[in-house]
C-alpha atoms as a PDB file:
ATOM      1  CA  MET A   1       0.027   0.028   0.003  1.00  0.00           C
ATOM      2  CA  ARG A   2       1.353   3.335  -1.009  1.00  0.00           C
ATOM      3  CA  VAL A   3       0.291   6.637   0.679  1.00  0.00           C
ATOM      4  CA  ILE A   4       0.735   9.701  -1.545  1.00  0.00           C
ATOM      5  CA  ASP A   5       0.323  13.320  -0.419  1.00  0.00           C
ATOM      6  CA  GLY A   6      -1.667  15.433  -2.861  1.00  0.00           C
ATOM      7  CA  THR A   7      -0.686  18.812  -1.508  1.00  0.00           C
ATOM      8  CA  ASN A   8       0.153  21.347  -4.195  1.00  0.00           C
ATOM      9  CA  MET A   9       0.031  18.761  -7.025  1.00  0.00           C
ATOM     10  CA  ILE A  10      -1.330  19.819 -10.370  1.00  0.00           C
ATOM     11  CA  LEU A  11      -4.517  17.796 -11.014  1.00  0.00           C
ATOM     12  CA  GLY A  12      -4.043  16.487 -14.597  1.00  0.00           C
ATOM     13  CA  ARG A  13      -0.420  15.552 -14.354  1.00  0.00           C
ATOM     14  CA  PHE A  14      -0.844  13.975 -10.953  1.00  0.00           C
ATOM     15  CA  CYS A  15      -3.900  11.983 -11.994  1.00  0.00           C
ATOM     16  CA  SER A  16      -2.206  10.639 -15.170  1.00  0.00           C
ATOM     17  CA  TYR A  17       0.636   9.469 -13.029  1.00  0.00           C
ATOM     18  CA  ILE A  18      -1.709   7.769 -10.588  1.00  0.00           C
ATOM     19  CA  ALA A  19      -3.623   6.047 -13.474  1.00  0.00           C
ATOM     20  CA  LYS A  20      -0.374   4.764 -14.920  1.00  0.00           C
ATOM     21  CA  GLU A  21       0.823   3.485 -11.569  1.00  0.00           C
ATOM     22  CA  LEU A  22      -2.485   1.663 -10.975  1.00  0.00           C
ATOM     23  CA  LEU A  23      -2.373  -0.013 -14.377  1.00  0.00           C
ATOM     24  CA  GLU A  24       1.274  -1.058 -14.119  1.00  0.00           C
ATOM     25  CA  LYS A  25       1.484  -2.253 -10.504  1.00  0.00           C
ATOM     26  CA  GLU A  26      -0.843  -4.258  -8.263  1.00  0.00           C
ATOM     27  CA  ASP A  27      -0.352  -1.929  -5.206  1.00  0.00           C
ATOM     28  CA  GLU A  28      -3.202  -0.111  -3.528  1.00  0.00           C
ATOM     29  CA  ILE A  29      -2.766   3.665  -3.706  1.00  0.00           C
ATOM     30  CA  VAL A  30      -4.032   5.998  -1.035  1.00  0.00           C
ATOM     31  CA  ILE A  31      -4.183   9.714  -1.761  1.00  0.00           C
ATOM     32  CA  VAL A  32      -4.397  12.010   1.267  1.00  0.00           C
ATOM     33  CA  ASN A  33      -4.991  15.808   1.261  1.00  0.00           C
ATOM     34  CA  ALA A  34      -7.086  15.556  -1.912  1.00  0.00           C
ATOM     35  CA  GLU A  35      -8.557  18.945  -1.172  1.00  0.00           C
ATOM     36  CA  LYS A  36      -5.159  20.555  -1.627  1.00  0.00           C
ATOM     37  CA  VAL A  37      -4.634  19.384  -5.176  1.00  0.00           C
ATOM     38  CA  ILE A  38      -4.517  22.380  -7.478  1.00  0.00           C
ATOM     39  CA  VAL A  39      -6.240  23.207 -10.703  1.00  0.00           C
ATOM     40  CA  THR A  40      -4.549  25.523 -13.218  1.00  0.00           C
ATOM     41  CA  GLY A  41      -6.221  28.027 -15.579  1.00  0.00           C
ATOM     42  CA  ARG A  42      -8.751  30.806 -15.377  1.00  0.00           C
ATOM     43  CA  LYS A  43     -10.884  30.286 -12.352  1.00  0.00           C
ATOM     44  CA  GLY A  44     -14.200  31.368 -13.885  1.00  0.00           C
ATOM     45  CA  PHE A  45     -13.836  29.266 -16.969  1.00  0.00           C
ATOM     46  CA  THR A  46     -12.806  26.205 -14.956  1.00  0.00           C
ATOM     47  CA  ILE A  47     -15.628  26.584 -12.408  1.00  0.00           C
ATOM     48  CA  ALA A  48     -18.078  26.948 -15.234  1.00  0.00           C
ATOM     49  CA  HIS A  49     -16.724  23.790 -16.885  1.00  0.00           C
ATOM     50  CA  TYR A  50     -17.220  21.764 -13.651  1.00  0.00           C
ATOM     51  CA  LYS A  51     -20.694  23.223 -13.142  1.00  0.00           C
ATOM     52  CA  GLU A  52     -21.577  22.159 -16.780  1.00  0.00           C
ATOM     53  CA  GLU A  53     -20.250  18.626 -16.083  1.00  0.00           C
ATOM     54  CA  ARG A  54     -22.332  18.508 -12.902  1.00  0.00           C
ATOM     55  CA  TYR A  55     -25.622  19.348 -14.576  1.00  0.00           C
ATOM     56  CA  VAL A  56     -25.385  17.085 -17.667  1.00  0.00           C
ATOM     57  CA  GLY A  57     -27.874  14.278 -17.785  1.00  0.00           C
ATOM     58  CA  SER A  58     -30.671  13.698 -15.246  1.00  0.00           C
ATOM     59  CA  VAL A  59     -30.992  12.648 -11.606  1.00  0.00           C
ATOM     60  CA  ARG A  60     -32.209   9.228 -12.531  1.00  0.00           C
ATOM     61  CA  LYS A  61     -29.972   8.260 -15.451  1.00  0.00           C
ATOM     62  CA  GLY A  62     -26.818  10.289 -14.905  1.00  0.00           C
ATOM     63  CA  PRO A  63     -24.018  10.801 -15.600  1.00  0.00           C
ATOM     64  CA  ARG A  64     -23.331  11.898 -12.057  1.00  0.00           C
ATOM     65  CA  PHE A  65     -20.439  14.157 -11.390  1.00  0.00           C
ATOM     66  CA  PRO A  66     -19.236  14.590  -7.784  1.00  0.00           C
ATOM     67  CA  LYS A  67     -18.843  17.805  -5.863  1.00  0.00           C
ATOM     68  CA  GLU A  68     -16.553  16.717  -3.054  1.00  0.00           C
ATOM     69  CA  PRO A  69     -12.784  17.181  -3.710  1.00  0.00           C
ATOM     70  CA  ASP A  70     -11.752  13.579  -3.034  1.00  0.00           C
ATOM     71  CA  ARG A  71     -14.540  12.326  -5.390  1.00  0.00           C
ATOM     72  CA  ILE A  72     -13.508  14.872  -8.107  1.00  0.00           C
ATOM     73  CA  LEU A  73      -9.909  13.551  -7.879  1.00  0.00           C
ATOM     74  CA  ARG A  74     -11.088   9.988  -8.099  1.00  0.00           C
ATOM     75  CA  ARG A  75     -13.382  10.777 -11.065  1.00  0.00           C
ATOM     76  CA  THR A  76     -10.478  12.396 -12.930  1.00  0.00           C
ATOM     77  CA  VAL A  77      -8.360   9.361 -12.486  1.00  0.00           C
ATOM     78  CA  ARG A  78     -11.311   7.256 -13.602  1.00  0.00           C
ATOM     79  CA  GLY A  79     -11.463   9.173 -16.852  1.00  0.00           C
ATOM     80  CA  MET A  80      -7.832   8.103 -17.574  1.00  0.00           C
ATOM     81  CA  LEU A  81      -8.430   4.393 -17.023  1.00  0.00           C
ATOM     82  CA  PRO A  82      -9.936   1.864 -19.512  1.00  0.00           C
ATOM     83  CA  MET A  83     -13.149   1.350 -17.546  1.00  0.00           C
ATOM     84  CA  LYS A  84     -14.772  -1.014 -20.069  1.00  0.00           C
ATOM     85  CA  THR A  85     -12.101  -3.639 -19.193  1.00  0.00           C
ATOM     86  CA  THR A  86     -11.677  -5.620 -16.006  1.00  0.00           C
ATOM     87  CA  ARG A  87      -8.177  -4.408 -15.818  1.00  0.00           C
ATOM     88  CA  GLY A  88      -9.359  -0.709 -15.582  1.00  0.00           C
ATOM     89  CA  ARG A  89     -12.140  -1.540 -13.118  1.00  0.00           C
ATOM     90  CA  ASP A  90      -9.768  -3.414 -10.811  1.00  0.00           C
ATOM     91  CA  ALA A  91      -7.334  -0.576 -11.016  1.00  0.00           C
ATOM     92  CA  LEU A  92      -9.949   1.901  -9.885  1.00  0.00           C
ATOM     93  CA  ASP A  93     -10.924  -0.393  -7.008  1.00  0.00           C
ATOM     94  CA  ARG A  94      -7.310  -0.170  -5.725  1.00  0.00           C
ATOM     95  CA  LEU A  95      -7.493   3.695  -5.457  1.00  0.00           C
ATOM     96  CA  HIS A  96      -8.542   5.402  -2.276  1.00  0.00           C
ATOM     97  CA  THR A  97      -8.885   9.100  -1.878  1.00  0.00           C
ATOM     98  CA  PHE A  98      -9.298  11.084   1.309  1.00  0.00           C
ATOM     99  CA  ILE A  99      -9.904  14.680   2.395  1.00  0.00           C
ATOM    100  CA  ASP A 100      -7.207  15.511   4.936  1.00  0.00           C
ATOM    101  CA  VAL A 101      -5.305  12.634   6.521  1.00  0.00           C
ATOM    102  CA  PRO A 102      -7.388   9.827   8.200  1.00  0.00           C
ATOM    103  CA  LYS A 103      -6.337   8.482  11.569  1.00  0.00           C
ATOM    104  CA  GLU A 104      -5.101   5.146  10.139  1.00  0.00           C
ATOM    105  CA  TYR A 105      -2.625   6.882   7.885  1.00  0.00           C
ATOM    106  CA  ARG A 106      -1.222   9.496  10.319  1.00  0.00           C
ATOM    107  CA  ASN A 107       1.664   7.316  11.335  1.00  0.00           C
ATOM    108  CA  SER A 108       2.799   6.560   7.820  1.00  0.00           C
ATOM    109  CA  GLU A 109       5.035   8.912   5.960  1.00  0.00           C
ATOM    110  CA  PRO A 110       3.299   9.884   2.577  1.00  0.00           C
ATOM    111  CA  GLU A 111       5.245   9.980  -0.621  1.00  0.00           C
ATOM    112  CA  LYS A 112       5.835  13.448  -2.077  1.00  0.00           C
ATOM    113  CA  HIS A 113       6.444  13.752  -5.837  1.00  0.00           C
ATOM    114  CA  ASP A 114       8.098  17.086  -6.636  1.00  0.00           C
ATOM    115  CA  GLU A 115       7.834  16.606 -10.393  1.00  0.00           C
ATOM    116  CA  PHE A 116       4.061  17.143 -10.295  1.00  0.00           C
ATOM    117  CA  LYS A 117       4.095  20.136  -7.910  1.00  0.00           C
ATOM    118  CA  ASN A 118       3.263  23.620  -8.990  1.00  0.00           C
ATOM    119  CA  LYS A 119       6.410  25.662  -9.514  1.00  0.00           C
ATOM    120  CA  HIS A 120       5.760  28.302 -12.146  1.00  0.00           C
ATOM    121  CA  VAL A 121       1.988  28.476 -12.870  1.00  0.00           C
ATOM    122  CA  SER A 122       0.325  31.532 -11.442  1.00  0.00           C
ATOM    123  CA  ASN A 123      -3.455  31.006 -12.040  1.00  0.00           C
ATOM    124  CA  VAL A 124      -4.033  28.212  -9.562  1.00  0.00           C
ATOM    125  CA  PHE A 125      -6.746  27.291  -7.079  1.00  0.00           C
ATOM    126  CA  THR A 126      -7.447  24.118  -5.035  1.00  0.00           C
ATOM    127  CA  LEU A 127     -10.028  21.396  -5.466  1.00  0.00           C
ATOM    128  CA  LEU A 128     -11.496  22.632  -2.156  1.00  0.00           C
ATOM    129  CA  GLU A 129     -12.367  25.944  -3.819  1.00  0.00           C
ATOM    130  CA  VAL A 130     -13.903  24.068  -6.799  1.00  0.00           C
ATOM    131  CA  SER A 131     -16.026  21.939  -4.600  1.00  0.00           C
ATOM    132  CA  ARG A 132     -17.283  24.911  -2.549  1.00  0.00           C
ATOM    133  CA  GLU A 133     -18.276  26.642  -5.766  1.00  0.00           C
ATOM    134  CA  LEU A 134     -20.200  23.485  -6.726  1.00  0.00           C
ATOM    135  CA  GLY A 135     -22.069  23.608  -3.448  1.00  0.00           C
ATOM    136  CA  SER A 136     -20.140  21.181  -1.289  1.00  0.00           C
ATOM    137  CA  LYS A 137     -19.995  21.792   2.460  1.00  0.00           C
ATOM    138  CA  VAL A 138     -16.664  20.095   3.080  1.00  0.00           C
ATOM    139  CA  LYS A 139     -15.181  20.597   6.486  1.00  0.00           C
ATOM    140  CA  VAL A 140     -11.371  20.637   6.665  1.00  0.00           C
ATOM    141  CA  ASP A 141      -9.172  21.263   9.678  1.00  0.00           C
ATOM    142  CA  GLY A 142      -8.019  24.845   9.537  1.00  0.00           C
ATOM    143  CA  ASN A 143     -10.635  26.050   6.967  1.00  0.00           C
END
């Protein structure tokens, strides 16, 4: 089991790495601090895109798009996996995402990947901000 910290990671690059790792290896991957993963781009445009994704379809038939930050992260990884195959579905079953750090993972040292961190991009905001714009009432320690 691998525990990976999502703090200050760029969403698309980080999720593509996670999808690749899930397909190549048989390890379970736990992502903590999912609310601190950042999204790049113009905030208004990006929020409008997520709102549009959220309201596509119907309540009964879907597709259903999440509004919690850990679920948005999981859904983004799911979009990068071959979900019509058992290999892709099994890979998604091995992914666990959490807001903040749960009690059972506080003693373990999470992996930090500097190659996916934000270094130069200026227009950034977190998944927590996106989820609050979508109407989520996520409670995070310190916010």
